[in-house]
Amino acid sequence: MEISDLKDWTSVISGALAIGAIIYSWLMSRSEKNTGRLTAVEIIVADQGKVLDRIEVELRHMPTKDEVNDLKLSIGDVTGELKALRATILPMSETVRRIDGYLLEVNK
């Protein structure tokens, strides 16, 4: 091998290294941009996780379908009892009015 052959190979190798350095720099700059984007996405996902946790806590306290149905039935029972109570009180109310009227007439 002669020196001129080494010069040629040296220039080819240095050119390849320069191109490799450019590609490496380009990939690294994209990687840094992607790292920033990934950090932003991680923050958004963490916030959404907190919202989901709050929703889960609220859902634990909500009644189930069966509990709501039981409440409806209980309210229906109370309504029926109130109607029966009203039916009992109305005649008593009329009796109290009559007694009050009688007492007012007697004391005149």
Protein backbone atom coordinates (compact mmCIF):
# COMPACT_ATOMS: atom_id res chain seq x y z
CA MET A 1 0.00 0.00 0.00
CA GLU A 2 1.19 3.36 -0.88
CA ILE A 3 0.62 6.68 0.80
CA SER A 4 -1.73 7.86 -1.93
CA ASP A 5 -3.95 4.83 -1.27
CA LEU A 6 -4.00 5.70 2.43
CA LYS A 7 -4.95 9.29 1.63
CA ASP A 8 -7.88 8.08 -0.46
CA TRP A 9 -9.08 5.72 2.23
CA THR A 10 -8.62 8.35 4.92
CA SER A 11 -10.79 10.82 3.05
CA VAL A 12 -13.47 8.14 2.47
CA ILE A 13 -13.44 7.14 6.15
CA SER A 14 -13.55 10.77 7.36
CA GLY A 15 -16.47 11.45 5.01
CA ALA A 16 -18.30 8.38 6.32
CA LEU A 17 -17.64 9.48 9.91
CA ALA A 18 -18.94 12.98 9.14
CA ILE A 19 -22.11 11.54 7.60
CA GLY A 20 -22.47 9.20 10.59
CA ALA A 21 -22.08 12.15 12.98
CA ILE A 22 -24.74 14.11 11.09
CA ILE A 23 -27.17 11.19 11.20
CA TYR A 24 -26.45 10.63 14.90
CA SER A 25 -27.04 14.32 15.67
CA TRP A 26 -30.28 14.30 13.69
CA LEU A 27 -31.54 11.18 15.52
CA MET A 28 -30.59 12.59 18.91
CA SER A 29 -32.35 15.90 18.26
CA ARG A 30 -35.50 13.97 17.32
CA SER A 31 -35.10 11.88 20.44
CA GLU A 32 -34.95 15.01 22.61
CA LYS A 33 -38.09 16.37 20.95
CA ASN A 34 -39.83 13.05 21.51
CA THR A 35 -38.69 13.01 25.12
CA GLY A 36 -40.37 16.38 25.65
CA ARG A 37 -43.53 15.15 23.98
CA LEU A 38 -43.52 11.95 26.03
CA THR A 39 -43.13 13.96 29.22
CA ALA A 40 -46.17 16.05 28.27
CA VAL A 41 -48.17 12.91 27.51
CA GLU A 42 -47.12 11.37 30.84
CA ILE A 43 -48.41 14.46 32.66
CA ILE A 44 -51.73 14.28 30.81
CA VAL A 45 -52.08 10.56 31.56
CA ALA A 46 -51.31 11.18 35.24
CA ASP A 47 -53.99 13.88 35.38
CA GLN A 48 -56.49 11.58 33.71
CA GLY A 49 -55.59 8.89 36.25
CA LYS A 50 -56.43 11.28 39.07
CA VAL A 51 -59.78 12.10 37.47
CA LEU A 52 -60.51 8.39 37.06
CA ASP A 53 -59.65 7.78 40.73
CA ARG A 54 -62.10 10.50 41.80
CA ILE A 55 -64.83 9.00 39.62
CA GLU A 56 -64.21 5.55 41.07
CA VAL A 57 -64.50 6.92 44.61
CA GLU A 58 -67.81 8.60 43.74
CA LEU A 59 -69.14 5.44 42.12
CA ARG A 60 -68.37 3.42 45.25
CA HIS A 61 -70.74 5.64 47.22
CA MET A 62 -73.59 5.49 44.72
CA PRO A 63 -76.42 3.03 45.31
CA THR A 64 -76.76 -0.03 43.14
CA LYS A 65 -79.74 -0.81 40.94
CA ASP A 66 -81.18 -3.13 43.59
CA GLU A 67 -80.77 -0.53 46.34
CA VAL A 68 -82.59 2.08 44.24
CA ASN A 69 -85.37 -0.41 43.58
CA ASP A 70 -85.64 -1.14 47.34
CA LEU A 71 -85.86 2.60 48.00
CA LYS A 72 -88.68 2.94 45.47
CA LEU A 73 -90.57 0.12 47.14
CA SER A 74 -90.04 1.65 50.59
CA ILE A 75 -91.29 5.03 49.38
CA GLY A 76 -94.35 3.29 47.94
CA ASP A 77 -94.98 1.64 51.32
CA VAL A 78 -94.68 4.98 53.12
CA THR A 79 -97.08 6.58 50.62
CA GLY A 80 -99.61 3.82 51.26
CA GLU A 81 -99.30 4.27 55.02
CA LEU A 82 -99.81 8.02 54.69
CA LYS A 83 -102.99 7.47 52.68
CA ALA A 84 -104.28 5.10 55.38
CA LEU A 85 -103.36 7.63 58.08
CA ARG A 86 -105.18 10.38 56.18
CA ALA A 87 -108.26 8.19 55.92
CA THR A 88 -108.16 7.74 59.70
CA ILE A 89 -107.49 11.40 60.53
CA LEU A 90 -110.20 12.95 58.32
CA PRO A 91 -113.11 11.45 60.29
CA MET A 92 -111.38 12.42 63.55
CA SER A 93 -111.00 15.96 62.28
CA GLU A 94 -114.72 16.12 61.51
CA THR A 95 -115.52 14.79 65.01
CA VAL A 96 -113.26 17.40 66.62
CA ARG A 97 -115.06 20.15 64.65
CA ARG A 98 -118.41 18.93 65.86
CA ILE A 99 -117.22 18.80 69.46
CA ASP A 100 -115.73 22.27 69.13
CA GLY A 101 -118.97 23.60 67.66
CA TYR A 102 -121.00 22.01 70.45
CA LEU A 103 -118.72 23.44 73.14
CA LEU A 104 -118.91 26.90 71.59
CA GLU A 105 -122.74 26.75 71.58
CA VAL A 106 -122.98 25.51 75.13
CA ASN A 107 -120.72 28.25 76.50
CA LYS A 108 -122.67 31.12 74.93
